[in-house]
Structures are given as C-alpha cells and as structure tokens.
Amino acid sequence: MQEKELTEKESLFIIQQMISRAKNDFVDTGIGPILWGTVITFCSLVQAAQIHYQFNLPFDIWFLALLAILPQIYISIREKRERKAKGWDDDVMSYVWICFGVGVFLINFINNVQARELNHVLREYTKLTGNPVSSIWSYATCYLLFVFGFPTIITGASRKFKIMTFGGIFCWASAIAAAFLPTKIDFLLMALSATLAWLIPGIILERKYRAQKNANV
C-alpha cells in the first residue's frame, strides 16, 4: 500500500503542532535566576559593607559565586529531566550560565591577585601626591557588570522574557556608570543590577511555573 504524500499545508500544520507542543512542555522554574540573583546581591552588599565599615572576612566572599555553580548544575540536570520536549537551545543555556559562574569567579580571583600587587602602590601614591586613586576593585566592578549582561540578555532574548532582557541592559549601563563612581557605590549598583536582572525575573518565573503546575494537576 502506497503511503499518502503530505501536502504543503499538512506539513506546515504538523510542524506548527510540534512547535506548540514544545513550547507547552518547556519547563523554566526560575530557580536558576533566583539562585544567582540572591548570591550576587548578597556578595555585593557584603563587599560594600566591608569597604564602608573597613573590616575583612577570613575568606573571599566571592567564593560563593564558585560554590553556586554546583547547585546550578543540579538545577540544570533536574530541569532537563522534567522537560517533555527538549529545545535546541536548552543545553546551550545551561552552559552559558555555568560559564557565567566560572567567569565571575575568575574575574574576582584575577582582581585579588592584582590588588595584592598594586593596592599598596596606589596607597603610597595617594600619600605622596594627595590625589586619591581608585582601588583595583573599582575597575573590576565594571568588568563584572559587563559580564553580568551577557547571559542575562541571551537568556531573556531567547526566552522572549523582556524583563530579564532589560535587566541585562541595565547591567551594561551600570558597567559604564561604575567607571565614574566610588567603589562602594559600584557594589551597591551591582546588588541592584543582580536584583533587577535575576532575582525579580526569577521570582516571576517561579510563580508562573507553580501556577501552571497547579493548573495541570
């Protein structure tokens, strides 16, 4: 028996059904953005407090960014298992955010190495000339905010989630502003950027996910 050939309209209809089913089956719990929004906001506020109150912790608070990679991997694996339909960009998004966490850690590690070598020179220069010079951290915040924008804009644009996209753009605008602001203000701006780019969008996604999950029960 000869199989019936599909017409162009029938083929387009089947493709549309597959795309629609994939969209309906997509799972985005919002836990990942909440994780990074909480970690980066907390680290930024602690760093700002250390500068303002002039105290040091026995460890680098930004190591939390490295530790956050572990739950991010777990979240990615769990969400992948929950997806009935897997989009071509799902694995890409997981790698983007894992690389983001590694990038944040590396920037802070490199900055700390530079700070040990150069900050005492900057302090001596200030004493000799009377002209205050920004610490190495002032420039590192610009780089960090610039890095923050990449995964945020990519994720927001690919998921068509405008709030997150705008949050990424705010990170880039903050990177420019941080070049002209005191270091303490830079970290407060970083905390605000993390809240707007990840924490708030993550909470919105998580609530939508719970509502959809309860509706399907």
C-alpha atoms as a PDB file:
ATOM      1  CA  MET A   1       0.000   0.000   0.000  1.00  0.00           C
ATOM      2  CA  GLN A   2       1.467   3.314  -1.051  1.00  0.00           C
ATOM      3  CA  GLU A   3       1.778   5.934   1.674  1.00  0.00           C
ATOM      4  CA  LYS A   4      -0.102   9.154   1.148  1.00  0.00           C
ATOM      5  CA  GLU A   5       2.135  12.124   0.488  1.00  0.00           C
ATOM      6  CA  LEU A   6       1.578  15.132   2.708  1.00  0.00           C
ATOM      7  CA  THR A   7       0.521  18.377   1.156  1.00  0.00           C
ATOM      8  CA  GLU A   8       2.389  21.603   1.929  1.00  0.00           C
ATOM      9  CA  LYS A   9      -0.414  22.788   4.230  1.00  0.00           C
ATOM     10  CA  GLU A  10      -0.465  19.475   6.113  1.00  0.00           C
ATOM     11  CA  SER A  11       3.314  19.586   6.577  1.00  0.00           C
ATOM     12  CA  LEU A  12       3.165  23.152   7.933  1.00  0.00           C
ATOM     13  CA  PHE A  13       0.333  22.166  10.275  1.00  0.00           C
ATOM     14  CA  ILE A  14       2.358  19.266  11.713  1.00  0.00           C
ATOM     15  CA  ILE A  15       5.398  21.497  12.214  1.00  0.00           C
ATOM     16  CA  GLN A  16       3.264  24.105  13.977  1.00  0.00           C
ATOM     17  CA  GLN A  17       1.843  21.423  16.260  1.00  0.00           C
ATOM     18  CA  MET A  18       5.339  20.231  17.175  1.00  0.00           C
ATOM     19  CA  ILE A  19       6.498  23.764  17.951  1.00  0.00           C
ATOM     20  CA  SER A  20       3.374  24.437  20.027  1.00  0.00           C
ATOM     21  CA  ARG A  21       3.833  21.186  21.956  1.00  0.00           C
ATOM     22  CA  ALA A  22       7.479  22.017  22.634  1.00  0.00           C
ATOM     23  CA  LYS A  23       6.520  25.433  23.986  1.00  0.00           C
ATOM     24  CA  ASN A  24       3.846  23.958  26.241  1.00  0.00           C
ATOM     25  CA  ASP A  25       6.227  21.328  27.563  1.00  0.00           C
ATOM     26  CA  PHE A  26       9.045  23.811  28.269  1.00  0.00           C
ATOM     27  CA  VAL A  27       9.890  23.953  31.962  1.00  0.00           C
ATOM     28  CA  ASP A  28      11.564  27.023  33.421  1.00  0.00           C
ATOM     29  CA  THR A  29      11.253  27.041  37.188  1.00  0.00           C
ATOM     30  CA  GLY A  30      13.031  30.351  37.734  1.00  0.00           C
ATOM     31  CA  ILE A  31      15.228  28.766  40.418  1.00  0.00           C
ATOM     32  CA  GLY A  32      18.433  29.442  38.479  1.00  0.00           C
ATOM     33  CA  PRO A  33      17.909  33.222  38.234  1.00  0.00           C
ATOM     34  CA  ILE A  34      16.794  33.298  41.878  1.00  0.00           C
ATOM     35  CA  LEU A  35      19.990  31.465  42.859  1.00  0.00           C
ATOM     36  CA  TRP A  36      22.323  33.862  41.029  1.00  0.00           C
ATOM     37  CA  GLY A  37      20.287  36.932  41.975  1.00  0.00           C
ATOM     38  CA  THR A  38      20.499  36.019  45.658  1.00  0.00           C
ATOM     39  CA  VAL A  39      24.206  35.074  45.614  1.00  0.00           C
ATOM     40  CA  ILE A  40      25.414  38.122  43.665  1.00  0.00           C
ATOM     41  CA  THR A  41      23.209  40.559  45.598  1.00  0.00           C
ATOM     42  CA  PHE A  42      24.434  39.149  48.912  1.00  0.00           C
ATOM     43  CA  CYS A  43      28.107  39.176  47.880  1.00  0.00           C
ATOM     44  CA  SER A  44      27.834  42.728  46.562  1.00  0.00           C
ATOM     45  CA  LEU A  45      26.217  44.043  49.747  1.00  0.00           C
ATOM     46  CA  VAL A  46      28.809  42.299  51.925  1.00  0.00           C
ATOM     47  CA  GLN A  47      31.633  43.754  49.817  1.00  0.00           C
ATOM     48  CA  ALA A  48      30.101  47.237  50.080  1.00  0.00           C
ATOM     49  CA  ALA A  49      29.814  46.806  53.864  1.00  0.00           C
ATOM     50  CA  GLN A  50      33.471  45.760  54.090  1.00  0.00           C
ATOM     51  CA  ILE A  51      34.523  48.925  52.285  1.00  0.00           C
ATOM     52  CA  HIS A  52      32.233  51.206  54.292  1.00  0.00           C
ATOM     53  CA  TYR A  53      32.930  49.754  57.759  1.00  0.00           C
ATOM     54  CA  GLN A  54      36.548  48.776  56.953  1.00  0.00           C
ATOM     55  CA  PHE A  55      36.543  45.148  58.028  1.00  0.00           C
ATOM     56  CA  ASN A  56      37.750  41.974  56.349  1.00  0.00           C
ATOM     57  CA  LEU A  57      36.303  38.480  56.375  1.00  0.00           C
ATOM     58  CA  PRO A  58      38.625  35.481  56.831  1.00  0.00           C
ATOM     59  CA  PHE A  59      37.693  34.380  53.288  1.00  0.00           C
ATOM     60  CA  ASP A  60      36.797  35.971  49.973  1.00  0.00           C
ATOM     61  CA  ILE A  61      33.018  36.385  49.914  1.00  0.00           C
ATOM     62  CA  TRP A  62      33.053  35.928  46.133  1.00  0.00           C
ATOM     63  CA  PHE A  63      33.956  32.268  46.534  1.00  0.00           C
ATOM     64  CA  LEU A  64      30.202  31.854  46.917  1.00  0.00           C
ATOM     65  CA  ALA A  65      29.926  32.525  43.175  1.00  0.00           C
ATOM     66  CA  LEU A  66      32.113  29.480  42.551  1.00  0.00           C
ATOM     67  CA  LEU A  67      30.151  27.340  45.004  1.00  0.00           C
ATOM     68  CA  ALA A  68      26.894  28.401  43.333  1.00  0.00           C
ATOM     69  CA  ILE A  69      27.978  26.550  40.197  1.00  0.00           C
ATOM     70  CA  LEU A  70      27.257  23.213  41.932  1.00  0.00           C
ATOM     71  CA  PRO A  71      23.548  23.889  42.591  1.00  0.00           C
ATOM     72  CA  GLN A  72      23.334  25.441  39.105  1.00  0.00           C
ATOM     73  CA  ILE A  73      24.486  22.143  37.581  1.00  0.00           C
ATOM     74  CA  TYR A  74      21.958  20.259  39.727  1.00  0.00           C
ATOM     75  CA  ILE A  75      19.164  22.638  38.679  1.00  0.00           C
ATOM     76  CA  SER A  76      20.074  22.221  35.006  1.00  0.00           C
ATOM     77  CA  ILE A  77      20.026  18.411  35.260  1.00  0.00           C
ATOM     78  CA  ARG A  78      16.706  18.378  37.130  1.00  0.00           C
ATOM     79  CA  GLU A  79      15.004  20.762  34.704  1.00  0.00           C
ATOM     80  CA  LYS A  80      16.316  18.738  31.756  1.00  0.00           C
ATOM     81  CA  ARG A  81      14.654  15.618  33.200  1.00  0.00           C
ATOM     82  CA  GLU A  82      11.368  17.466  33.677  1.00  0.00           C
ATOM     83  CA  ARG A  83      11.222  18.659  30.078  1.00  0.00           C
ATOM     84  CA  LYS A  84       8.984  16.504  27.899  1.00  0.00           C
ATOM     85  CA  ALA A  85      10.217  18.336  24.829  1.00  0.00           C
ATOM     86  CA  LYS A  86      13.787  19.497  24.580  1.00  0.00           C
ATOM     87  CA  GLY A  87      14.582  22.670  22.673  1.00  0.00           C
ATOM     88  CA  TRP A  88      17.794  23.001  20.684  1.00  0.00           C
ATOM     89  CA  ASP A  89      18.970  25.791  22.975  1.00  0.00           C
ATOM     90  CA  ASP A  90      18.367  24.094  26.343  1.00  0.00           C
ATOM     91  CA  ASP A  91      21.895  22.699  26.632  1.00  0.00           C
ATOM     92  CA  VAL A  92      23.307  25.985  25.373  1.00  0.00           C
ATOM     93  CA  MET A  93      21.553  27.904  28.159  1.00  0.00           C
ATOM     94  CA  SER A  94      22.944  25.539  30.777  1.00  0.00           C
ATOM     95  CA  TYR A  95      26.487  26.007  29.507  1.00  0.00           C
ATOM     96  CA  VAL A  96      26.021  29.784  29.287  1.00  0.00           C
ATOM     97  CA  TRP A  97      25.143  30.050  32.967  1.00  0.00           C
ATOM     98  CA  ILE A  98      27.818  27.609  34.121  1.00  0.00           C
ATOM     99  CA  CYS A  99      30.421  29.600  32.174  1.00  0.00           C
ATOM    100  CA  PHE A 100      28.992  32.755  33.705  1.00  0.00           C
ATOM    101  CA  GLY A 101      29.632  31.449  37.225  1.00  0.00           C
ATOM    102  CA  VAL A 102      33.185  30.456  36.315  1.00  0.00           C
ATOM    103  CA  GLY A 103      33.725  33.864  34.709  1.00  0.00           C
ATOM    104  CA  VAL A 104      32.610  35.742  37.831  1.00  0.00           C
ATOM    105  CA  PHE A 105      34.978  33.688  39.962  1.00  0.00           C
ATOM    106  CA  LEU A 106      37.910  34.167  37.568  1.00  0.00           C
ATOM    107  CA  ILE A 107      37.472  37.938  37.389  1.00  0.00           C
ATOM    108  CA  ASN A 108      37.438  38.158  41.177  1.00  0.00           C
ATOM    109  CA  PHE A 109      40.434  35.827  41.503  1.00  0.00           C
ATOM    110  CA  ILE A 110      42.489  37.830  38.998  1.00  0.00           C
ATOM    111  CA  ASN A 111      41.441  41.076  40.640  1.00  0.00           C
ATOM    112  CA  ASN A 112      42.531  39.854  44.074  1.00  0.00           C
ATOM    113  CA  VAL A 113      45.928  38.864  42.700  1.00  0.00           C
ATOM    114  CA  GLN A 114      46.330  42.295  41.122  1.00  0.00           C
ATOM    115  CA  ALA A 115      45.122  44.022  44.280  1.00  0.00           C
ATOM    116  CA  ARG A 116      47.837  42.392  46.395  1.00  0.00           C
ATOM    117  CA  GLU A 117      50.459  43.703  43.978  1.00  0.00           C
ATOM    118  CA  LEU A 118      49.137  47.177  43.229  1.00  0.00           C
ATOM    119  CA  ASN A 119      46.917  48.480  46.030  1.00  0.00           C
ATOM    120  CA  HIS A 120      49.871  49.296  48.306  1.00  0.00           C
ATOM    121  CA  VAL A 121      51.424  51.226  45.402  1.00  0.00           C
ATOM    122  CA  LEU A 122      48.196  53.182  44.949  1.00  0.00           C
ATOM    123  CA  ARG A 123      48.083  53.985  48.676  1.00  0.00           C
ATOM    124  CA  GLU A 124      51.678  55.259  48.592  1.00  0.00           C
ATOM    125  CA  TYR A 125      50.871  57.370  45.542  1.00  0.00           C
ATOM    126  CA  THR A 126      47.924  58.914  47.391  1.00  0.00           C
ATOM    127  CA  LYS A 127      50.126  59.752  50.388  1.00  0.00           C
ATOM    128  CA  LEU A 128      52.825  61.345  48.227  1.00  0.00           C
ATOM    129  CA  THR A 129      50.599  63.336  45.893  1.00  0.00           C
ATOM    130  CA  GLY A 130      47.479  63.877  47.956  1.00  0.00           C
ATOM    131  CA  ASN A 131      45.419  62.705  44.970  1.00  0.00           C
ATOM    132  CA  PRO A 132      43.183  59.740  45.791  1.00  0.00           C
ATOM    133  CA  VAL A 133      43.340  56.867  43.314  1.00  0.00           C
ATOM    134  CA  SER A 134      40.597  54.297  42.897  1.00  0.00           C
ATOM    135  CA  SER A 135      41.323  50.795  44.094  1.00  0.00           C
ATOM    136  CA  ILE A 136      41.581  47.862  41.718  1.00  0.00           C
ATOM    137  CA  TRP A 137      38.070  46.851  42.750  1.00  0.00           C
ATOM    138  CA  SER A 138      36.683  49.990  41.106  1.00  0.00           C
ATOM    139  CA  TYR A 139      37.660  48.619  37.700  1.00  0.00           C
ATOM    140  CA  ALA A 140      36.739  45.025  38.498  1.00  0.00           C
ATOM    141  CA  THR A 141      33.129  46.023  39.172  1.00  0.00           C
ATOM    142  CA  CYS A 142      32.915  47.440  35.639  1.00  0.00           C
ATOM    143  CA  TYR A 143      34.126  44.139  34.193  1.00  0.00           C
ATOM    144  CA  LEU A 144      31.781  42.111  36.388  1.00  0.00           C
ATOM    145  CA  LEU A 145      28.738  44.179  35.454  1.00  0.00           C
ATOM    146  CA  PHE A 146      29.708  43.831  31.796  1.00  0.00           C
ATOM    147  CA  VAL A 147      29.898  40.023  32.206  1.00  0.00           C
ATOM    148  CA  PHE A 148      26.548  40.029  34.051  1.00  0.00           C
ATOM    149  CA  GLY A 149      24.811  41.413  30.989  1.00  0.00           C
ATOM    150  CA  PHE A 150      25.837  38.626  28.602  1.00  0.00           C
ATOM    151  CA  PRO A 151      23.922  35.583  29.968  1.00  0.00           C
ATOM    152  CA  THR A 152      21.043  37.808  31.032  1.00  0.00           C
ATOM    153  CA  ILE A 153      20.430  39.331  27.609  1.00  0.00           C
ATOM    154  CA  ILE A 154      20.994  35.987  25.838  1.00  0.00           C
ATOM    155  CA  THR A 155      18.517  34.206  28.125  1.00  0.00           C
ATOM    156  CA  GLY A 156      15.958  36.999  28.064  1.00  0.00           C
ATOM    157  CA  ALA A 157      16.075  37.332  24.287  1.00  0.00           C
ATOM    158  CA  SER A 158      15.954  33.572  23.588  1.00  0.00           C
ATOM    159  CA  ARG A 159      13.061  33.076  26.025  1.00  0.00           C
ATOM    160  CA  LYS A 160      11.368  36.303  24.876  1.00  0.00           C
ATOM    161  CA  PHE A 161      11.338  37.443  28.512  1.00  0.00           C
ATOM    162  CA  LYS A 162      11.581  41.238  28.241  1.00  0.00           C
ATOM    163  CA  ILE A 163      12.049  41.893  31.960  1.00  0.00           C
ATOM    164  CA  MET A 164      15.248  39.856  32.002  1.00  0.00           C
ATOM    165  CA  THR A 165      16.481  41.431  28.768  1.00  0.00           C
ATOM    166  CA  PHE A 166      16.010  44.906  30.221  1.00  0.00           C
ATOM    167  CA  GLY A 167      17.823  43.720  33.352  1.00  0.00           C
ATOM    168  CA  GLY A 168      20.813  42.713  31.227  1.00  0.00           C
ATOM    169  CA  ILE A 169      20.820  46.098  29.507  1.00  0.00           C
ATOM    170  CA  PHE A 170      20.716  47.736  32.959  1.00  0.00           C
ATOM    171  CA  CYS A 171      23.830  45.722  33.888  1.00  0.00           C
ATOM    172  CA  TRP A 172      25.682  47.140  30.885  1.00  0.00           C
ATOM    173  CA  ALA A 173      24.532  50.677  31.690  1.00  0.00           C
ATOM    174  CA  SER A 174      25.710  50.137  35.267  1.00  0.00           C
ATOM    175  CA  ALA A 175      29.103  48.973  33.960  1.00  0.00           C
ATOM    176  CA  ILE A 176      29.564  52.355  32.299  1.00  0.00           C
ATOM    177  CA  ALA A 177      28.361  54.253  35.366  1.00  0.00           C
ATOM    178  CA  ALA A 178      30.644  52.247  37.660  1.00  0.00           C
ATOM    179  CA  ALA A 179      33.680  53.627  35.837  1.00  0.00           C
ATOM    180  CA  PHE A 180      32.899  57.060  37.287  1.00  0.00           C
ATOM    181  CA  LEU A 181      31.514  56.181  40.738  1.00  0.00           C
ATOM    182  CA  PRO A 182      33.219  55.344  44.080  1.00  0.00           C
ATOM    183  CA  THR A 183      33.880  51.653  44.672  1.00  0.00           C
ATOM    184  CA  LYS A 184      31.339  51.369  47.475  1.00  0.00           C
ATOM    185  CA  ILE A 185      28.609  52.754  45.213  1.00  0.00           C
ATOM    186  CA  ASP A 186      29.738  50.344  42.484  1.00  0.00           C
ATOM    187  CA  PHE A 187      28.876  47.371  44.671  1.00  0.00           C
ATOM    188  CA  LEU A 188      25.524  48.836  45.672  1.00  0.00           C
ATOM    189  CA  LEU A 189      24.826  49.305  41.965  1.00  0.00           C
ATOM    190  CA  MET A 190      25.908  45.699  41.395  1.00  0.00           C
ATOM    191  CA  ALA A 191      23.460  44.485  44.046  1.00  0.00           C
ATOM    192  CA  LEU A 192      20.675  46.460  42.361  1.00  0.00           C
ATOM    193  CA  SER A 193      21.648  45.054  38.955  1.00  0.00           C
ATOM    194  CA  ALA A 194      21.559  41.467  40.230  1.00  0.00           C
ATOM    195  CA  THR A 195      18.164  42.074  41.820  1.00  0.00           C
ATOM    196  CA  LEU A 196      16.660  43.592  38.671  1.00  0.00           C
ATOM    197  CA  ALA A 197      18.307  41.193  36.210  1.00  0.00           C
ATOM    198  CA  TRP A 198      17.846  37.869  38.019  1.00  0.00           C
ATOM    199  CA  LEU A 199      16.135  37.891  41.394  1.00  0.00           C
ATOM    200  CA  ILE A 200      12.909  39.664  40.385  1.00  0.00           C
ATOM    201  CA  PRO A 201      12.590  37.894  36.981  1.00  0.00           C
ATOM    202  CA  GLY A 202      13.351  34.575  38.721  1.00  0.00           C
ATOM    203  CA  ILE A 203      10.573  35.133  41.242  1.00  0.00           C
ATOM    204  CA  ILE A 204       8.152  35.963  38.412  1.00  0.00           C
ATOM    205  CA  LEU A 205       9.142  32.803  36.507  1.00  0.00           C
ATOM    206  CA  GLU A 206       8.883  30.650  39.630  1.00  0.00           C
ATOM    207  CA  ARG A 207       5.375  31.918  40.375  1.00  0.00           C
ATOM    208  CA  LYS A 208       4.260  31.294  36.789  1.00  0.00           C
ATOM    209  CA  TYR A 209       5.744  27.808  36.935  1.00  0.00           C
ATOM    210  CA  ARG A 210       3.923  26.962  40.170  1.00  0.00           C
ATOM    211  CA  ALA A 211       0.645  28.343  38.826  1.00  0.00           C
ATOM    212  CA  GLN A 212       0.995  26.295  35.623  1.00  0.00           C
ATOM    213  CA  LYS A 213       1.948  23.199  37.572  1.00  0.00           C
ATOM    214  CA  ASN A 214      -1.055  23.549  39.899  1.00  0.00           C
ATOM    215  CA  ALA A 215      -3.330  24.085  36.892  1.00  0.00           C
ATOM    216  CA  ASN A 216      -2.158  20.835  35.324  1.00  0.00           C
ATOM    217  CA  VAL A 217      -2.780  18.807  38.495  1.00  0.00           C
END
